[in-house]
PDB file of N, CA and C in Angstrom:
ATOM      1  N   MET A   1      98.255 156.702 193.459  1.00  0.00           N
ATOM      2  CA  MET A   1      98.468 158.116 193.285  1.00  0.00           C
ATOM      3  C   MET A   1      98.707 158.406 191.795  1.00  0.00           C
ATOM      4  N   ALA A   2      98.124 159.478 191.311  1.00  0.00           N
ATOM      5  CA  ALA A   2      98.246 159.852 189.909  1.00  0.00           C
ATOM      6  C   ALA A   2      99.550 160.594 189.662  1.00  0.00           C
ATOM      7  N   GLY A   3      99.859 160.794 188.385  1.00  0.00           N
ATOM      8  CA  GLY A   3     101.052 161.550 188.015  1.00  0.00           C
ATOM      9  C   GLY A   3     100.878 163.022 188.366  1.00  0.00           C
ATOM     10  N   LYS A   4     101.978 163.763 188.239  1.00  0.00           N
ATOM     11  CA  LYS A   4     101.911 165.187 188.539  1.00  0.00           C
ATOM     12  C   LYS A   4     102.791 165.962 187.569  1.00  0.00           C
ATOM     13  N   PHE A   5     102.427 167.211 187.362  1.00  0.00           N
ATOM     14  CA  PHE A   5     103.210 168.109 186.537  1.00  0.00           C
ATOM     15  C   PHE A   5     104.176 168.869 187.427  1.00  0.00           C
ATOM     16  N   VAL A   6     105.414 168.973 186.971  1.00  0.00           N
ATOM     17  CA  VAL A   6     106.453 169.697 187.702  1.00  0.00           C
ATOM     18  C   VAL A   6     106.976 170.778 186.764  1.00  0.00           C
ATOM     19  N   LEU A   7     106.803 172.041 187.166  1.00  0.00           N
ATOM     20  CA  LEU A   7     107.251 173.173 186.372  1.00  0.00           C
ATOM     21  C   LEU A   7     108.637 173.580 186.840  1.00  0.00           C
ATOM     22  N   LYS A   8     109.565 173.710 185.909  1.00  0.00           N
ATOM     23  CA  LYS A   8     110.960 174.009 186.243  1.00  0.00           C
ATOM     24  C   LYS A   8     111.456 175.218 185.460  1.00  0.00           C
ATOM     25  N   THR A   9     112.507 175.836 185.985  1.00  0.00           N
ATOM     26  CA  THR A   9     113.197 176.918 185.293  1.00  0.00           C
ATOM     27  C   THR A   9     114.570 176.404 184.883  1.00  0.00           C
ATOM     28  N   ALA A  10     114.875 176.523 183.603  1.00  0.00           N
ATOM     29  CA  ALA A  10     116.175 176.081 183.081  1.00  0.00           C
ATOM     30  C   ALA A  10     117.245 177.112 183.435  1.00  0.00           C
ATOM     31  N   THR A  11     118.500 176.734 183.256  1.00  0.00           N
ATOM     32  CA  THR A  11     119.605 177.627 183.579  1.00  0.00           C
ATOM     33  C   THR A  11     119.617 178.880 182.706  1.00  0.00           C
ATOM     34  N   ASN A  12     118.991 178.810 181.536  1.00  0.00           N
ATOM     35  CA  ASN A  12     118.928 179.978 180.655  1.00  0.00           C
ATOM     36  C   ASN A  12     117.728 180.877 180.954  1.00  0.00           C
ATOM     37  N   GLY A  13     116.961 180.557 182.003  1.00  0.00           N
ATOM     38  CA  GLY A  13     115.820 181.376 182.408  1.00  0.00           C
ATOM     39  C   GLY A  13     114.506 180.999 181.758  1.00  0.00           C
ATOM     40  N   GLU A  14     114.543 180.065 180.813  1.00  0.00           N
ATOM     41  CA  GLU A  14     113.310 179.622 180.187  1.00  0.00           C
ATOM     42  C   GLU A  14     112.641 178.576 181.080  1.00  0.00           C
ATOM     43  N   PHE A  15     111.411 178.234 180.741  1.00  0.00           N
ATOM     44  CA  PHE A  15     110.612 177.319 181.560  1.00  0.00           C
ATOM     45  C   PHE A  15     110.272 176.058 180.778  1.00  0.00           C
ATOM     46  N   TYR A  16     110.117 174.970 181.502  1.00  0.00           N
ATOM     47  CA  TYR A  16     109.658 173.713 180.918  1.00  0.00           C
ATOM     48  C   TYR A  16     108.939 172.933 182.001  1.00  0.00           C
ATOM     49  N   PHE A  17     108.212 171.918 181.592  1.00  0.00           N
ATOM     50  CA  PHE A  17     107.537 171.084 182.582  1.00  0.00           C
ATOM     51  C   PHE A  17     107.764 169.625 182.266  1.00  0.00           C
ATOM     52  N   ARG A  18     107.597 168.840 183.288  1.00  0.00           N
ATOM     53  CA  ARG A  18     107.661 167.388 183.166  1.00  0.00           C
ATOM     54  C   ARG A  18     106.381 166.808 183.746  1.00  0.00           C
ATOM     55  N   LEU A  19     105.929 165.731 183.167  1.00  0.00           N
ATOM     56  CA  LEU A  19     104.853 164.944 183.736  1.00  0.00           C
ATOM     57  C   LEU A  19     105.522 163.738 184.353  1.00  0.00           C
ATOM     58  N   GLN A  20     105.355 163.588 185.661  1.00  0.00           N
ATOM     59  CA  GLN A  20     106.010 162.498 186.368  1.00  0.00           C
ATOM     60  C   GLN A  20     104.982 161.514 186.911  1.00  0.00           C
ATOM     61  N   ALA A  21     105.285 160.229 186.765  1.00  0.00           N
ATOM     62  CA  ALA A  21     104.452 159.175 187.319  1.00  0.00           C
ATOM     63  C   ALA A  21     104.590 159.173 188.838  1.00  0.00           C
ATOM     64  N   SER A  22     103.716 158.455 189.488  1.00  0.00           N
ATOM     65  CA  SER A  22     103.744 158.408 190.951  1.00  0.00           C
ATOM     66  C   SER A  22     105.039 157.812 191.494  1.00  0.00           C
ATOM     67  N   ASN A  23     105.761 157.048 190.664  1.00  0.00           N
ATOM     68  CA  ASN A  23     107.046 156.488 191.097  1.00  0.00           C
ATOM     69  C   ASN A  23     108.214 157.427 190.818  1.00  0.00           C
ATOM     70  N   GLY A  24     107.922 158.637 190.295  1.00  0.00           N
ATOM     71  CA  GLY A  24     108.961 159.626 190.018  1.00  0.00           C
ATOM     72  C   GLY A  24     109.533 159.568 188.616  1.00  0.00           C
ATOM     73  N   GLN A  25     109.153 158.572 187.843  1.00  0.00           N
ATOM     74  CA  GLN A  25     109.667 158.445 186.475  1.00  0.00           C
ATOM     75  C   GLN A  25     109.063 159.525 185.584  1.00  0.00           C
ATOM     76  N   THR A  26     109.884 160.158 184.751  1.00  0.00           N
ATOM     77  CA  THR A  26     109.411 161.177 183.823  1.00  0.00           C
ATOM     78  C   THR A  26     108.710 160.503 182.655  1.00  0.00           C
ATOM     79  N   ILE A  27     107.473 160.911 182.427  1.00  0.00           N
ATOM     80  CA  ILE A  27     106.667 160.378 181.337  1.00  0.00           C
ATOM     81  C   ILE A  27     106.759 161.289 180.116  1.00  0.00           C
ATOM     82  N   LEU A  28     106.836 162.604 180.381  1.00  0.00           N
ATOM     83  CA  LEU A  28     106.828 163.591 179.326  1.00  0.00           C
ATOM     84  C   LEU A  28     107.668 164.783 179.746  1.00  0.00           C
ATOM     85  N   LYS A  29     108.449 165.307 178.818  1.00  0.00           N
ATOM     86  CA  LYS A  29     109.179 166.555 179.053  1.00  0.00           C
ATOM     87  C   LYS A  29     108.802 167.508 177.933  1.00  0.00           C
ATOM     88  N   SER A  30     108.447 168.723 178.303  1.00  0.00           N
ATOM     89  CA  SER A  30     107.964 169.695 177.327  1.00  0.00           C
ATOM     90  C   SER A  30     109.100 170.369 176.576  1.00  0.00           C
ATOM     91  N   GLU A  31     108.707 171.173 175.617  1.00  0.00           N
ATOM     92  CA  GLU A  31     109.636 172.075 174.953  1.00  0.00           C
ATOM     93  C   GLU A  31     109.961 173.215 175.924  1.00  0.00           C
ATOM     94  N   MET A  32     110.860 174.089 175.543  1.00  0.00           N
ATOM     95  CA  MET A  32     111.207 175.249 176.358  1.00  0.00           C
ATOM     96  C   MET A  32     110.248 176.393 176.037  1.00  0.00           C
ATOM     97  N   TYR A  33     109.868 177.121 177.067  1.00  0.00           N
ATOM     98  CA  TYR A  33     108.972 178.266 176.934  1.00  0.00           C
ATOM     99  C   TYR A  33     109.670 179.515 177.444  1.00  0.00           C
ATOM    100  N   LYS A  34     109.420 180.628 176.812  1.00  0.00           N
ATOM    101  CA  LYS A  34     110.044 181.895 177.214  1.00  0.00           C
ATOM    102  C   LYS A  34     109.465 182.429 178.523  1.00  0.00           C
ATOM    103  N   THR A  35     108.172 182.174 178.773  1.00  0.00           N
ATOM    104  CA  THR A  35     107.526 182.691 179.984  1.00  0.00           C
ATOM    105  C   THR A  35     106.874 181.576 180.779  1.00  0.00           C
ATOM    106  N   ARG A  36     106.730 181.835 182.065  1.00  0.00           N
ATOM    107  CA  ARG A  36     106.059 180.870 182.948  1.00  0.00           C
ATOM    108  C   ARG A  36     104.610 180.663 182.506  1.00  0.00           C
ATOM    109  N   ALA A  37     103.953 181.770 182.109  1.00  0.00           N
ATOM    110  CA  ALA A  37     102.558 181.676 181.674  1.00  0.00           C
ATOM    111  C   ALA A  37     102.423 180.758 180.460  1.00  0.00           C
ATOM    112  N   SER A  38     103.365 180.826 179.550  1.00  0.00           N
ATOM    113  CA  SER A  38     103.329 179.949 178.370  1.00  0.00           C
ATOM    114  C   SER A  38     103.480 178.492 178.772  1.00  0.00           C
ATOM    115  N   ALA A  39     104.369 178.213 179.712  1.00  0.00           N
ATOM    116  CA  ALA A  39     104.553 176.841 180.202  1.00  0.00           C
ATOM    117  C   ALA A  39     103.288 176.350 180.895  1.00  0.00           C
ATOM    118  N   GLU A  40     102.657 177.221 181.664  1.00  0.00           N
ATOM    119  CA  GLU A  40     101.408 176.848 182.336  1.00  0.00           C
ATOM    120  C   GLU A  40     100.307 176.577 181.313  1.00  0.00           C
ATOM    121  N   ASN A  41     100.294 177.341 180.216  1.00  0.00           N
ATOM    122  CA  ASN A  41      99.335 177.069 179.140  1.00  0.00           C
ATOM    123  C   ASN A  41      99.630 175.720 178.497  1.00  0.00           C
ATOM    124  N   GLY A  42     100.906 175.362 178.388  1.00  0.00           N
ATOM    125  CA  GLY A  42     101.283 174.054 177.862  1.00  0.00           C
ATOM    126  C   GLY A  42     100.764 172.927 178.732  1.00  0.00           C
ATOM    127  N   ILE A  43     100.884 173.102 180.046  1.00  0.00           N
ATOM    128  CA  ILE A  43     100.355 172.102 180.981  1.00  0.00           C
ATOM    129  C   ILE A  43      98.846 171.973 180.803  1.00  0.00           C
ATOM    130  N   ALA A  44      98.159 173.108 180.711  1.00  0.00           N
ATOM    131  CA  ALA A  44      96.705 173.088 180.534  1.00  0.00           C
ATOM    132  C   ALA A  44      96.327 172.382 179.234  1.00  0.00           C
ATOM    133  N   SER A  45      97.115 172.598 178.192  1.00  0.00           N
ATOM    134  CA  SER A  45      96.847 171.951 176.914  1.00  0.00           C
ATOM    135  C   SER A  45      96.988 170.432 177.016  1.00  0.00           C
ATOM    136  N   VAL A  46      98.042 169.982 177.680  1.00  0.00           N
ATOM    137  CA  VAL A  46      98.228 168.540 177.856  1.00  0.00           C
ATOM    138  C   VAL A  46      97.066 167.954 178.651  1.00  0.00           C
ATOM    139  N   LYS A  47      96.681 168.621 179.725  1.00  0.00           N
ATOM    140  CA  LYS A  47      95.553 168.143 180.543  1.00  0.00           C
ATOM    141  C   LYS A  47      94.272 168.091 179.721  1.00  0.00           C
ATOM    142  N   ASN A  48      94.085 169.096 178.876  1.00  0.00           N
ATOM    143  CA  ASN A  48      92.871 169.183 178.074  1.00  0.00           C
ATOM    144  C   ASN A  48      92.827 168.128 176.978  1.00  0.00           C
ATOM    145  N   HIS A  49      93.968 167.854 176.360  1.00  0.00           N
ATOM    146  CA  HIS A  49      93.996 166.943 175.222  1.00  0.00           C
ATOM    147  C   HIS A  49      94.323 165.495 175.580  1.00  0.00           C
ATOM    148  N   ALA A  50      94.825 165.255 176.759  1.00  0.00           N
ATOM    149  CA  ALA A  50      95.206 163.892 177.152  1.00  0.00           C
ATOM    150  C   ALA A  50      94.049 162.903 177.073  1.00  0.00           C
ATOM    151  N   PRO A  51      92.830 163.270 177.480  1.00  0.00           N
ATOM    152  CA  PRO A  51      91.732 162.295 177.374  1.00  0.00           C
ATOM    153  C   PRO A  51      91.455 161.864 175.941  1.00  0.00           C
ATOM    154  N   GLU A  52      91.870 162.674 174.954  1.00  0.00           N
ATOM    155  CA  GLU A  52      91.653 162.342 173.550  1.00  0.00           C
ATOM    156  C   GLU A  52      92.730 161.429 172.987  1.00  0.00           C
ATOM    157  N   ALA A  53      93.823 161.261 173.721  1.00  0.00           N
ATOM    158  CA  ALA A  53      94.936 160.447 173.232  1.00  0.00           C
ATOM    159  C   ALA A  53      94.493 159.001 173.078  1.00  0.00           C
ATOM    160  N   SER A  54      94.960 158.400 172.026  1.00  0.00           N
ATOM    161  CA  SER A  54      94.614 157.011 171.751  1.00  0.00           C
ATOM    162  C   SER A  54      95.885 156.235 171.455  1.00  0.00           C
ATOM    163  N   THR A  55      96.023 155.062 172.038  1.00  0.00           N
ATOM    164  CA  THR A  55      97.208 154.254 171.769  1.00  0.00           C
ATOM    165  C   THR A  55      97.195 153.728 170.338  1.00  0.00           C
ATOM    166  N   ASP A  56      96.037 153.710 169.678  1.00  0.00           N
ATOM    167  CA  ASP A  56      95.956 153.232 168.311  1.00  0.00           C
ATOM    168  C   ASP A  56      96.634 154.172 167.326  1.00  0.00           C
ATOM    169  N   ASP A  57      96.745 155.456 167.659  1.00  0.00           N
ATOM    170  CA  ASP A  57      97.283 156.443 166.747  1.00  0.00           C
ATOM    171  C   ASP A  57      98.762 156.742 166.967  1.00  0.00           C
ATOM    172  N   GLN A  58      99.386 156.132 167.920  1.00  0.00           N
ATOM    173  CA  GLN A  58     100.771 156.419 168.233  1.00  0.00           C
ATOM    174  C   GLN A  58     101.705 155.682 167.292  1.00  0.00           C
ATOM    175  N   THR A  59     102.768 156.371 166.915  1.00  0.00           N
ATOM    176  CA  THR A  59     103.795 155.749 166.075  1.00  0.00           C
ATOM    177  C   THR A  59     105.123 155.838 166.793  1.00  0.00           C
ATOM    178  N   THR A  60     106.037 154.998 166.410  1.00  0.00           N
ATOM    179  CA  THR A  60     107.372 155.035 166.995  1.00  0.00           C
ATOM    180  C   THR A  60     108.389 155.232 165.886  1.00  0.00           C
ATOM    181  N   ALA A  61     109.422 155.957 166.188  1.00  0.00           N
ATOM    182  CA  ALA A  61     110.486 156.197 165.212  1.00  0.00           C
ATOM    183  C   ALA A  61     111.410 154.986 165.163  1.00  0.00           C
ATOM    184  N   LYS A  62     111.903 154.702 163.985  1.00  0.00           N
ATOM    185  CA  LYS A  62     112.867 153.618 163.844  1.00  0.00           C
ATOM    186  C   LYS A  62     114.255 154.165 163.972  1.00  0.00           C
ATOM    187  N   ALA A  63     115.093 153.501 164.729  1.00  0.00           N
ATOM    188  CA  ALA A  63     116.475 153.971 164.952  1.00  0.00           C
ATOM    189  C   ALA A  63     117.345 153.724 163.749  1.00  0.00           C
TER     190      ALA A  63
END
């Protein structure tokens, strides 16, 4: 089973989404959005750009 996007409403009324793996683990958590439509556009953007993601270009921050 593939991952899924879960759209949530924060206690302050703003919206955010999570990308969850099939085991329920959160893979990605979005920024906060003022409107549901903006959050849905964020999901569409991730879906659209994810195929372009490359592990060769990823960097990690040093603690």
